[in-house]
């Protein structure tokens, strides 16, 4: 569907029915986190299932983590969609565990 790139980060959006997949590539850092937010945030009110694939994200700093948390919180608050982060690196999974965010990232909106 679409592709966006900025400072070593790019994302591709594929929509299929009620599901949207955002595939991310590069570094999710202070300079690029806003770009991911601009791609995902407008998808939340549309509802359905949104998967953010982080397979090819090789680095996440505190701003990138903050963006992921903000997007997840928005999706839970809005209640229109299920937002999932998939294929997290071992480093990011450990960072979520250390910051006690694992539960937030595993949660889904109530039906």
PDB file of N, CA and C in Angstrom:
ATOM      1  N   UNK A   1       0.822  -1.192   0.000  1.00  0.00           N
ATOM      2  CA  UNK A   1       0.000   0.000   0.000  1.00  0.00           C
ATOM      3  C   UNK A   1       0.863   1.252   0.000  1.00  0.00           C
ATOM      4  N   UNK A   2       1.602   1.466   1.068  1.00  0.00           N
ATOM      5  CA  UNK A   2       2.423   2.672   1.112  1.00  0.00           C
ATOM      6  C   UNK A   2       3.765   2.374   1.729  1.00  0.00           C
ATOM      7  N   UNK A   3       4.720   3.290   1.519  1.00  0.00           N
ATOM      8  CA  UNK A   3       6.049   3.132   2.081  1.00  0.00           C
ATOM      9  C   UNK A   3       6.549   4.507   2.479  1.00  0.00           C
ATOM     10  N   UNK A   4       7.201   4.601   3.621  1.00  0.00           N
ATOM     11  CA  UNK A   4       7.741   5.864   4.093  1.00  0.00           C
ATOM     12  C   UNK A   4       9.159   5.611   4.589  1.00  0.00           C
ATOM     13  N   UNK A   5      10.050   6.599   4.425  1.00  0.00           N
ATOM     14  CA  UNK A   5      11.428   6.441   4.877  1.00  0.00           C
ATOM     15  C   UNK A   5      11.951   7.752   5.437  1.00  0.00           C
ATOM     16  N   UNK A   6      12.704   7.662   6.524  1.00  0.00           N
ATOM     17  CA  UNK A   6      13.318   8.824   7.124  1.00  0.00           C
ATOM     18  C   UNK A   6      14.510   8.375   7.947  1.00  0.00           C
ATOM     19  N   UNK A   7      15.651   8.967   7.742  1.00  0.00           N
ATOM     20  CA  UNK A   7      16.857   8.788   8.556  1.00  0.00           C
ATOM     21  C   UNK A   7      17.114   7.358   9.032  1.00  0.00           C
ATOM     22  N   UNK A   8      17.201   6.413   8.099  1.00  0.00           N
ATOM     23  CA  UNK A   8      17.530   5.056   8.474  1.00  0.00           C
ATOM     24  C   UNK A   8      16.366   4.230   8.982  1.00  0.00           C
ATOM     25  N   UNK A   9      15.152   4.710   8.802  1.00  0.00           N
ATOM     26  CA  UNK A   9      13.963   3.967   9.209  1.00  0.00           C
ATOM     27  C   UNK A   9      12.956   4.040   8.076  1.00  0.00           C
ATOM     28  N   UNK A  10      12.332   2.918   7.795  1.00  0.00           N
ATOM     29  CA  UNK A  10      11.245   2.947   6.820  1.00  0.00           C
ATOM     30  C   UNK A  10      10.199   1.935   7.234  1.00  0.00           C
ATOM     31  N   UNK A  11       9.000   2.155   6.735  1.00  0.00           N
ATOM     32  CA  UNK A  11       7.913   1.227   7.045  1.00  0.00           C
ATOM     33  C   UNK A  11       7.059   1.030   5.814  1.00  0.00           C
ATOM     34  N   UNK A  12       6.469  -0.144   5.730  1.00  0.00           N
ATOM     35  CA  UNK A  12       5.552  -0.469   4.643  1.00  0.00           C
ATOM     36  C   UNK A  12       4.230  -0.873   5.269  1.00  0.00           C
ATOM     37  N   UNK A  13       3.148  -0.400   4.681  1.00  0.00           N
ATOM     38  CA  UNK A  13       1.814  -0.700   5.193  1.00  0.00           C
ATOM     39  C   UNK A  13       1.091  -1.571   4.177  1.00  0.00           C
ATOM     40  N   UNK A  14       0.597  -2.716   4.653  1.00  0.00           N
ATOM     41  CA  UNK A  14      -0.197  -3.623   3.820  1.00  0.00           C
ATOM     42  C   UNK A  14      -1.546  -3.796   4.498  1.00  0.00           C
ATOM     43  N   UNK A  15      -2.617  -3.536   3.764  1.00  0.00           N
ATOM     44  CA  UNK A  15      -3.961  -3.679   4.308  1.00  0.00           C
ATOM     45  C   UNK A  15      -4.662  -4.817   3.591  1.00  0.00           C
ATOM     46  N   UNK A  16      -5.300  -5.684   4.374  1.00  0.00           N
ATOM     47  CA  UNK A  16      -6.041  -6.800   3.815  1.00  0.00           C
ATOM     48  C   UNK A  16      -7.305  -6.981   4.643  1.00  0.00           C
ATOM     49  N   UNK A  17      -8.416  -6.527   4.114  1.00  0.00           N
ATOM     50  CA  UNK A  17      -9.677  -6.624   4.841  1.00  0.00           C
ATOM     51  C   UNK A  17      -9.632  -5.823   6.117  1.00  0.00           C
ATOM     52  N   UNK A  18      -9.823  -6.509   7.242  1.00  0.00           N
ATOM     53  CA  UNK A  18      -9.865  -5.868   8.551  1.00  0.00           C
ATOM     54  C   UNK A  18      -8.496  -5.878   9.242  1.00  0.00           C
ATOM     55  N   UNK A  19      -7.451  -6.291   8.510  1.00  0.00           N
ATOM     56  CA  UNK A  19      -6.116  -6.385   9.088  1.00  0.00           C
ATOM     57  C   UNK A  19      -5.138  -5.472   8.362  1.00  0.00           C
ATOM     58  N   UNK A  20      -4.264  -4.863   9.159  1.00  0.00           N
ATOM     59  CA  UNK A  20      -3.215  -4.008   8.608  1.00  0.00           C
ATOM     60  C   UNK A  20      -1.890  -4.459   9.201  1.00  0.00           C
ATOM     61  N   UNK A  21      -0.885  -4.592   8.345  1.00  0.00           N
ATOM     62  CA  UNK A  21       0.450  -4.951   8.814  1.00  0.00           C
ATOM     63  C   UNK A  21       1.403  -3.813   8.457  1.00  0.00           C
ATOM     64  N   UNK A  22       2.111  -3.330   9.469  1.00  0.00           N
ATOM     65  CA  UNK A  22       3.117  -2.298   9.276  1.00  0.00           C
ATOM     66  C   UNK A  22       4.468  -2.961   9.511  1.00  0.00           C
ATOM     67  N   UNK A  23       5.249  -3.113   8.455  1.00  0.00           N
ATOM     68  CA  UNK A  23       6.558  -3.748   8.549  1.00  0.00           C
ATOM     69  C   UNK A  23       7.612  -2.653   8.664  1.00  0.00           C
ATOM     70  N   UNK A  24       8.392  -2.718   9.725  1.00  0.00           N
ATOM     71  CA  UNK A  24       9.378  -1.676  10.021  1.00  0.00           C
ATOM     72  C   UNK A  24      10.797  -2.163   9.730  1.00  0.00           C
ATOM     73  N   UNK A  25      11.622  -1.219   9.298  1.00  0.00           N
ATOM     74  CA  UNK A  25      13.015  -1.523   8.970  1.00  0.00           C
ATOM     75  C   UNK A  25      13.909  -0.414   9.523  1.00  0.00           C
ATOM     76  N   UNK A  26      15.048  -0.801  10.096  1.00  0.00           N
ATOM     77  CA  UNK A  26      16.032   0.192  10.517  1.00  0.00           C
ATOM     78  C   UNK A  26      16.039   0.452  12.005  1.00  0.00           C
ATOM     79  N   UNK A  27      16.284   1.721  12.347  1.00  0.00           N
ATOM     80  CA  UNK A  27      16.440   2.128  13.745  1.00  0.00           C
ATOM     81  C   UNK A  27      15.235   2.934  14.202  1.00  0.00           C
ATOM     82  N   UNK A  28      14.650   2.536  15.333  1.00  0.00           N
ATOM     83  CA  UNK A  28      13.526   3.268  15.911  1.00  0.00           C
ATOM     84  C   UNK A  28      14.097   4.102  17.057  1.00  0.00           C
ATOM     85  N   UNK A  29      14.484   5.330  16.714  1.00  0.00           N
ATOM     86  CA  UNK A  29      15.180   6.211  17.652  1.00  0.00           C
ATOM     87  C   UNK A  29      14.507   7.588  17.650  1.00  0.00           C
ATOM     88  N   UNK A  30      15.036   8.502  18.442  1.00  0.00           N
ATOM     89  CA  UNK A  30      14.446   9.836  18.588  1.00  0.00           C
ATOM     90  C   UNK A  30      14.146  10.491  17.236  1.00  0.00           C
ATOM     91  N   UNK A  31      15.050  10.370  16.295  1.00  0.00           N
ATOM     92  CA  UNK A  31      14.878  11.018  14.992  1.00  0.00           C
ATOM     93  C   UNK A  31      13.824  10.344  14.115  1.00  0.00           C
ATOM     94  N   UNK A  32      13.497   9.087  14.389  1.00  0.00           N
ATOM     95  CA  UNK A  32      12.597   8.342  13.507  1.00  0.00           C
ATOM     96  C   UNK A  32      11.288   7.912  14.153  1.00  0.00           C
ATOM     97  N   UNK A  33      11.204   7.978  15.464  1.00  0.00           N
ATOM     98  CA  UNK A  33      10.019   7.482  16.177  1.00  0.00           C
ATOM     99  C   UNK A  33       8.748   8.199  15.731  1.00  0.00           C
ATOM    100  N   UNK A  34       8.843   9.482  15.462  1.00  0.00           N
ATOM    101  CA  UNK A  34       7.675  10.249  15.032  1.00  0.00           C
ATOM    102  C   UNK A  34       7.098   9.687  13.730  1.00  0.00           C
ATOM    103  N   UNK A  35       7.967   9.217  12.867  1.00  0.00           N
ATOM    104  CA  UNK A  35       7.511   8.677  11.582  1.00  0.00           C
ATOM    105  C   UNK A  35       6.647   7.442  11.787  1.00  0.00           C
ATOM    106  N   UNK A  36       7.033   6.554  12.715  1.00  0.00           N
ATOM    107  CA  UNK A  36       6.213   5.376  12.991  1.00  0.00           C
ATOM    108  C   UNK A  36       4.865   5.800  13.567  1.00  0.00           C
ATOM    109  N   UNK A  37       4.896   6.766  14.459  1.00  0.00           N
ATOM    110  CA  UNK A  37       3.657   7.260  15.059  1.00  0.00           C
ATOM    111  C   UNK A  37       2.726   7.826  13.986  1.00  0.00           C
ATOM    112  N   UNK A  38       3.278   8.564  13.027  1.00  0.00           N
ATOM    113  CA  UNK A  38       2.468   9.151  11.956  1.00  0.00           C
ATOM    114  C   UNK A  38       1.859   8.090  11.044  1.00  0.00           C
ATOM    115  N   UNK A  39       2.494   6.940  10.950  1.00  0.00           N
ATOM    116  CA  UNK A  39       1.967   5.849  10.131  1.00  0.00           C
ATOM    117  C   UNK A  39       0.884   5.067  10.880  1.00  0.00           C
ATOM    118  N   UNK A  40       1.134   4.742  12.143  1.00  0.00           N
ATOM    119  CA  UNK A  40       0.242   3.853  12.887  1.00  0.00           C
ATOM    120  C   UNK A  40      -0.945   4.566  13.521  1.00  0.00           C
ATOM    121  N   UNK A  41      -0.723   5.742  14.104  1.00  0.00           N
ATOM    122  CA  UNK A  41      -1.789   6.412  14.871  1.00  0.00           C
ATOM    123  C   UNK A  41      -3.082   6.612  14.070  1.00  0.00           C
ATOM    124  N   UNK A  42      -3.030   7.033  12.791  1.00  0.00           N
ATOM    125  CA  UNK A  42      -4.278   7.194  12.030  1.00  0.00           C
ATOM    126  C   UNK A  42      -5.007   5.877  11.758  1.00  0.00           C
ATOM    127  N   UNK A  43      -4.311   4.750  11.887  1.00  0.00           N
ATOM    128  CA  UNK A  43      -4.934   3.448  11.658  1.00  0.00           C
ATOM    129  C   UNK A  43      -5.795   3.008  12.837  1.00  0.00           C
ATOM    130  N   UNK A  44      -5.487   3.506  14.031  1.00  0.00           N
ATOM    131  CA  UNK A  44      -6.174   3.063  15.247  1.00  0.00           C
ATOM    132  C   UNK A  44      -7.685   3.294  15.190  1.00  0.00           C
ATOM    133  N   UNK A  45      -8.161   4.505  14.855  1.00  0.00           N
ATOM    134  CA  UNK A  45      -9.611   4.719  14.839  1.00  0.00           C
ATOM    135  C   UNK A  45     -10.344   3.926  13.754  1.00  0.00           C
ATOM    136  N   UNK A  46      -9.610   3.388  12.789  1.00  0.00           N
ATOM    137  CA  UNK A  46     -10.231   2.609  11.723  1.00  0.00           C
ATOM    138  C   UNK A  46     -10.638   1.223  12.209  1.00  0.00           C
ATOM    139  N   UNK A  47     -10.088   0.825  13.353  1.00  0.00           N
ATOM    140  CA  UNK A  47     -10.452  -0.465  13.935  1.00  0.00           C
ATOM    141  C   UNK A  47      -9.728  -1.631  13.291  1.00  0.00           C
ATOM    142  N   UNK A  48     -10.162  -2.830  13.649  1.00  0.00           N
ATOM    143  CA  UNK A  48      -9.560  -4.041  13.107  1.00  0.00           C
ATOM    144  C   UNK A  48      -8.329  -4.460  13.879  1.00  0.00           C
ATOM    145  N   UNK A  49      -7.464  -5.157  13.194  1.00  0.00           N
ATOM    146  CA  UNK A  49      -6.239  -5.694  13.791  1.00  0.00           C
ATOM    147  C   UNK A  49      -5.051  -5.047  13.104  1.00  0.00           C
ATOM    148  N   UNK A  50      -4.169  -4.482  13.906  1.00  0.00           N
ATOM    149  CA  UNK A  50      -2.951  -3.860  13.383  1.00  0.00           C
ATOM    150  C   UNK A  50      -1.768  -4.618  13.961  1.00  0.00           C
ATOM    151  N   UNK A  51      -0.897  -5.091  13.075  1.00  0.00           N
ATOM    152  CA  UNK A  51       0.335  -5.739  13.503  1.00  0.00           C
ATOM    153  C   UNK A  51       1.506  -4.862  13.086  1.00  0.00           C
ATOM    154  N   UNK A  52       2.358  -4.546  14.044  1.00  0.00           N
ATOM    155  CA  UNK A  52       3.585  -3.812  13.755  1.00  0.00           C
ATOM    156  C   UNK A  52       4.709  -4.833  13.842  1.00  0.00           C
ATOM    157  N   UNK A  53       5.288  -5.159  12.687  1.00  0.00           N
ATOM    158  CA  UNK A  53       6.332  -6.179  12.584  1.00  0.00           C
ATOM    159  C   UNK A  53       7.695  -5.518  12.772  1.00  0.00           C
ATOM    160  N   UNK A  54       8.382  -5.905  13.845  1.00  0.00           N
ATOM    161  CA  UNK A  54       9.670  -5.299  14.193  1.00  0.00           C
ATOM    162  C   UNK A  54      10.851  -6.209  13.860  1.00  0.00           C
ATOM    163  N   UNK A  55      10.641  -7.202  12.992  1.00  0.00           N
ATOM    164  CA  UNK A  55      11.698  -8.152  12.627  1.00  0.00           C
ATOM    165  C   UNK A  55      12.983  -7.449  12.209  1.00  0.00           C
ATOM    166  N   UNK A  56      12.859  -6.429  11.369  1.00  0.00           N
ATOM    167  CA  UNK A  56      14.027  -5.777  10.781  1.00  0.00           C
ATOM    168  C   UNK A  56      14.392  -4.469  11.487  1.00  0.00           C
ATOM    169  N   UNK A  57      13.934  -4.293  12.721  1.00  0.00           N
ATOM    170  CA  UNK A  57      14.325  -3.122  13.505  1.00  0.00           C
ATOM    171  C   UNK A  57      15.544  -3.539  14.324  1.00  0.00           C
ATOM    172  N   UNK A  58      16.674  -2.886  14.033  1.00  0.00           N
ATOM    173  CA  UNK A  58      17.915  -3.321  14.652  1.00  0.00           C
ATOM    174  C   UNK A  58      18.306  -2.534  15.891  1.00  0.00           C
ATOM    175  N   UNK A  59      17.561  -1.475  16.219  1.00  0.00           N
ATOM    176  CA  UNK A  59      17.875  -0.702  17.427  1.00  0.00           C
ATOM    177  C   UNK A  59      16.666   0.110  17.837  1.00  0.00           C
ATOM    178  N   UNK A  60      16.379   0.133  19.141  1.00  0.00           N
ATOM    179  CA  UNK A  60      15.298   0.938  19.698  1.00  0.00           C
ATOM    180  C   UNK A  60      15.861   1.701  20.886  1.00  0.00           C
ATOM    181  N   UNK A  61      15.747   3.048  20.865  1.00  0.00           N
ATOM    182  CA  UNK A  61      16.182   3.825  22.025  1.00  0.00           C
ATOM    183  C   UNK A  61      14.969   4.181  22.872  1.00  0.00           C
ATOM    184  N   UNK A  62      15.158   4.999  23.892  1.00  0.00           N
ATOM    185  CA  UNK A  62      14.058   5.324  24.804  1.00  0.00           C
ATOM    186  C   UNK A  62      12.915   6.051  24.089  1.00  0.00           C
ATOM    187  N   UNK A  63      13.225   6.877  23.102  1.00  0.00           N
ATOM    188  CA  UNK A  63      12.172   7.553  22.341  1.00  0.00           C
ATOM    189  C   UNK A  63      11.364   6.556  21.520  1.00  0.00           C
ATOM    190  N   UNK A  64      12.046   5.591  20.936  1.00  0.00           N
ATOM    191  CA  UNK A  64      11.357   4.548  20.172  1.00  0.00           C
ATOM    192  C   UNK A  64      10.467   3.714  21.075  1.00  0.00           C
ATOM    193  N   UNK A  65      10.982   3.353  22.251  1.00  0.00           N
ATOM    194  CA  UNK A  65      10.190   2.594  23.215  1.00  0.00           C
ATOM    195  C   UNK A  65       8.982   3.416  23.655  1.00  0.00           C
ATOM    196  N   UNK A  66       9.192   4.703  23.900  1.00  0.00           N
ATOM    197  CA  UNK A  66       8.089   5.587  24.284  1.00  0.00           C
ATOM    198  C   UNK A  66       7.014   5.657  23.218  1.00  0.00           C
ATOM    199  N   UNK A  67       7.422   5.646  21.966  1.00  0.00           N
ATOM    200  CA  UNK A  67       6.461   5.668  20.860  1.00  0.00           C
ATOM    201  C   UNK A  67       5.649   4.376  20.829  1.00  0.00           C
ATOM    202  N   UNK A  68       6.314   3.240  21.005  1.00  0.00           N
ATOM    203  CA  UNK A  68       5.598   1.962  21.031  1.00  0.00           C
ATOM    204  C   UNK A  68       4.584   1.937  22.174  1.00  0.00           C
ATOM    205  N   UNK A  69       4.998   2.401  23.346  1.00  0.00           N
ATOM    206  CA  UNK A  69       4.102   2.438  24.506  1.00  0.00           C
ATOM    207  C   UNK A  69       2.920   3.369  24.230  1.00  0.00           C
ATOM    208  N   UNK A  70       3.199   4.546  23.660  1.00  0.00           N
ATOM    209  CA  UNK A  70       2.139   5.504  23.352  1.00  0.00           C
ATOM    210  C   UNK A  70       1.132   4.956  22.356  1.00  0.00           C
ATOM    211  N   UNK A  71       1.617   4.271  21.331  1.00  0.00           N
ATOM    212  CA  UNK A  71       0.718   3.683  20.336  1.00  0.00           C
ATOM    213  C   UNK A  71      -0.145   2.601  20.964  1.00  0.00           C
ATOM    214  N   UNK A  72       0.457   1.762  21.794  1.00  0.00           N
ATOM    215  CA  UNK A  72      -0.293   0.692  22.455  1.00  0.00           C
ATOM    216  C   UNK A  72      -1.343   1.291  23.395  1.00  0.00           C
ATOM    217  N   UNK A  73      -0.952   2.314  24.149  1.00  0.00           N
ATOM    218  CA  UNK A  73      -1.894   2.964  25.066  1.00  0.00           C
ATOM    219  C   UNK A  73      -3.049   3.598  24.300  1.00  0.00           C
ATOM    220  N   UNK A  74      -2.756   4.228  23.163  1.00  0.00           N
ATOM    221  CA  UNK A  74      -3.814   4.826  22.334  1.00  0.00           C
ATOM    222  C   UNK A  74      -4.788   3.768  21.847  1.00  0.00           C
ATOM    223  N   UNK A  75      -4.265   2.646  21.400  1.00  0.00           N
ATOM    224  CA  UNK A  75      -5.115   1.572  20.886  1.00  0.00           C
ATOM    225  C   UNK A  75      -5.992   1.007  22.000  1.00  0.00           C
ATOM    226  N   UNK A  76      -5.424   0.825  23.179  1.00  0.00           N
ATOM    227  CA  UNK A  76      -6.203   0.304  24.301  1.00  0.00           C
ATOM    228  C   UNK A  76      -7.262   1.305  24.744  1.00  0.00           C
ATOM    229  N   UNK A  77      -6.895   2.580  24.746  1.00  0.00           N
ATOM    230  CA  UNK A  77      -7.818   3.635  25.172  1.00  0.00           C
ATOM    231  C   UNK A  77      -8.969   3.803  24.179  1.00  0.00           C
ATOM    232  N   UNK A  78      -8.639   3.807  22.896  1.00  0.00           N
ATOM    233  CA  UNK A  78      -9.651   3.989  21.860  1.00  0.00           C
ATOM    234  C   UNK A  78     -10.585   2.786  21.797  1.00  0.00           C
ATOM    235  N   UNK A  79     -10.012   1.587  21.970  1.00  0.00           N
ATOM    236  CA  UNK A  79     -10.811   0.372  21.983  1.00  0.00           C
ATOM    237  C   UNK A  79     -11.342  -0.066  20.631  1.00  0.00           C
ATOM    238  N   UNK A  80     -10.920   0.583  19.564  1.00  0.00           N
ATOM    239  CA  UNK A  80     -11.418   0.244  18.232  1.00  0.00           C
ATOM    240  C   UNK A  80     -10.658  -0.902  17.585  1.00  0.00           C
ATOM    241  N   UNK A  81      -9.422  -1.124  18.041  1.00  0.00           N
ATOM    242  CA  UNK A  81      -8.591  -2.092  17.334  1.00  0.00           C
ATOM    243  C   UNK A  81      -7.754  -2.912  18.297  1.00  0.00           C
ATOM    244  N   UNK A  82      -7.157  -3.937  17.748  1.00  0.00           N
ATOM    245  CA  UNK A  82      -6.157  -4.727  18.448  1.00  0.00           C
ATOM    246  C   UNK A  82      -4.819  -4.357  17.819  1.00  0.00           C
ATOM    247  N   UNK A  83      -3.912  -3.829  18.616  1.00  0.00           N
ATOM    248  CA  UNK A  83      -2.582  -3.454  18.137  1.00  0.00           C
ATOM    249  C   UNK A  83      -1.581  -4.420  18.736  1.00  0.00           C
ATOM    250  N   UNK A  84      -0.856  -5.112  17.846  1.00  0.00           N
ATOM    251  CA  UNK A  84       0.131  -6.096  18.287  1.00  0.00           C
ATOM    252  C   UNK A  84       1.495  -5.746  17.727  1.00  0.00           C
ATOM    253  N   UNK A  85       2.500  -5.947  18.547  1.00  0.00           N
ATOM    254  CA  UNK A  85       3.881  -5.814  18.093  1.00  0.00           C
ATOM    255  C   UNK A  85       4.406  -7.231  17.965  1.00  0.00           C
ATOM    256  N   UNK A  86       4.884  -7.574  16.783  1.00  0.00           N
ATOM    257  CA  UNK A  86       5.338  -8.938  16.542  1.00  0.00           C
ATOM    258  C   UNK A  86       6.814  -8.959  16.163  1.00  0.00           C
ATOM    259  N   UNK A  87       7.428 -10.108  16.386  1.00  0.00           N
ATOM    260  CA  UNK A  87       8.827 -10.347  16.021  1.00  0.00           C
ATOM    261  C   UNK A  87       9.787  -9.358  16.686  1.00  0.00           C
ATOM    262  N   UNK A  88       9.613  -9.167  17.992  1.00  0.00           N
ATOM    263  CA  UNK A  88      10.508  -8.303  18.750  1.00  0.00           C
ATOM    264  C   UNK A  88      11.852  -8.984  18.923  1.00  0.00           C
ATOM    265  N   UNK A  89      12.908  -8.197  18.873  1.00  0.00           N
ATOM    266  CA  UNK A  89      14.246  -8.753  19.073  1.00  0.00           C
ATOM    267  C   UNK A  89      14.396  -9.182  20.534  1.00  0.00           C
ATOM    268  N   UNK A  90      15.386 -10.010  20.790  1.00  0.00           N
ATOM    269  CA  UNK A  90      15.664 -10.453  22.160  1.00  0.00           C
ATOM    270  C   UNK A  90      15.982  -9.247  23.039  1.00  0.00           C
ATOM    271  N   UNK A  91      16.694  -8.275  22.489  1.00  0.00           N
ATOM    272  CA  UNK A  91      17.061  -7.072  23.248  1.00  0.00           C
ATOM    273  C   UNK A  91      15.818  -6.276  23.622  1.00  0.00           C
ATOM    274  N   UNK A  92      14.905  -6.089  22.695  1.00  0.00           N
ATOM    275  CA  UNK A  92      13.682  -5.333  22.971  1.00  0.00           C
ATOM    276  C   UNK A  92      12.786  -6.092  23.948  1.00  0.00           C
ATOM    277  N   UNK A  93      12.701  -7.396  23.805  1.00  0.00           N
ATOM    278  CA  UNK A  93      11.916  -8.216  24.737  1.00  0.00           C
ATOM    279  C   UNK A  93      12.474  -8.078  26.151  1.00  0.00           C
ATOM    280  N   UNK A  94      13.790  -8.105  26.278  1.00  0.00           N
ATOM    281  CA  UNK A  94      14.432  -7.939  27.581  1.00  0.00           C
ATOM    282  C   UNK A  94      14.187  -6.530  28.130  1.00  0.00           C
ATOM    283  N   UNK A  95      14.249  -5.526  27.278  1.00  0.00           N
ATOM    284  CA  UNK A  95      13.981  -4.147  27.695  1.00  0.00           C
ATOM    285  C   UNK A  95      12.554  -4.010  28.229  1.00  0.00           C
ATOM    286  N   UNK A  96      11.599  -4.647  27.576  1.00  0.00           N
ATOM    287  CA  UNK A  96      10.212  -4.615  28.045  1.00  0.00           C
ATOM    288  C   UNK A  96      10.088  -5.313  29.402  1.00  0.00           C
ATOM    289  N   UNK A  97      10.831  -6.402  29.576  1.00  0.00           N
ATOM    290  CA  UNK A  97      10.790  -7.121  30.850  1.00  0.00           C
ATOM    291  C   UNK A  97      11.373  -6.261  31.970  1.00  0.00           C
ATOM    292  N   UNK A  98      12.511  -5.651  31.719  1.00  0.00           N
ATOM    293  CA  UNK A  98      13.189  -4.830  32.723  1.00  0.00           C
ATOM    294  C   UNK A  98      12.319  -3.630  33.120  1.00  0.00           C
ATOM    295  N   UNK A  99      11.660  -3.023  32.149  1.00  0.00           N
ATOM    296  CA  UNK A  99      10.834  -1.842  32.412  1.00  0.00           C
ATOM    297  C   UNK A  99       9.410  -2.205  32.828  1.00  0.00           C
ATOM    298  N   UNK A 100       9.166  -3.497  32.993  1.00  0.00           N
ATOM    299  CA  UNK A 100       7.854  -4.015  33.420  1.00  0.00           C
ATOM    300  C   UNK A 100       6.731  -3.622  32.461  1.00  0.00           C
ATOM    301  N   UNK A 101       7.052  -3.585  31.171  1.00  0.00           N
ATOM    302  CA  UNK A 101       6.073  -3.247  30.141  1.00  0.00           C
ATOM    303  C   UNK A 101       5.572  -4.481  29.392  1.00  0.00           C
ATOM    304  N   UNK A 102       6.090  -5.648  29.737  1.00  0.00           N
ATOM    305  CA  UNK A 102       5.699  -6.877  29.049  1.00  0.00           C
ATOM    306  C   UNK A 102       4.188  -7.070  29.083  1.00  0.00           C
ATOM    307  N   UNK A 103       3.575  -6.828  30.223  1.00  0.00           N
ATOM    308  CA  UNK A 103       2.137  -7.031  30.371  1.00  0.00           C
ATOM    309  C   UNK A 103       1.339  -6.080  29.472  1.00  0.00           C
ATOM    310  N   UNK A 104       1.773  -4.830  29.388  1.00  0.00           N
ATOM    311  CA  UNK A 104       1.094  -3.864  28.519  1.00  0.00           C
ATOM    312  C   UNK A 104       1.130  -4.333  27.063  1.00  0.00           C
ATOM    313  N   UNK A 105       2.277  -4.803  26.632  1.00  0.00           N
ATOM    314  CA  UNK A 105       2.419  -5.210  25.242  1.00  0.00           C
ATOM    315  C   UNK A 105       1.686  -6.502  24.938  1.00  0.00           C
ATOM    316  N   UNK A 106       1.394  -7.285  25.958  1.00  0.00           N
ATOM    317  CA  UNK A 106       0.655  -8.532  25.762  1.00  0.00           C
ATOM    318  C   UNK A 106      -0.848  -8.328  25.856  1.00  0.00           C
ATOM    319  N   UNK A 107      -1.272  -7.166  26.392  1.00  0.00           N
ATOM    320  CA  UNK A 107      -2.700  -6.947  26.627  1.00  0.00           C
ATOM    321  C   UNK A 107      -3.448  -6.612  25.358  1.00  0.00           C
ATOM    322  N   UNK A 108      -4.748  -6.960  25.384  1.00  0.00           N
ATOM    323  CA  UNK A 108      -5.631  -6.692  24.255  1.00  0.00           C
ATOM    324  C   UNK A 108      -6.846  -5.974  24.791  1.00  0.00           C
ATOM    325  N   UNK A 109      -7.519  -5.176  23.963  1.00  0.00           N
ATOM    326  CA  UNK A 109      -8.706  -4.481  24.450  1.00  0.00           C
ATOM    327  C   UNK A 109      -9.787  -5.466  24.844  1.00  0.00           C
ATOM    328  N   UNK A 110     -10.575  -5.063  25.830  1.00  0.00           N
ATOM    329  CA  UNK A 110     -11.665  -5.922  26.268  1.00  0.00           C
ATOM    330  C   UNK A 110     -12.786  -5.877  25.258  1.00  0.00           C
ATOM    331  N   UNK A 111     -13.448  -7.027  25.056  1.00  0.00           N
ATOM    332  CA  UNK A 111     -14.548  -7.099  24.098  1.00  0.00           C
ATOM    333  C   UNK A 111     -15.847  -6.715  24.740  1.00  0.00           C
TER     334      UNK A 111
END
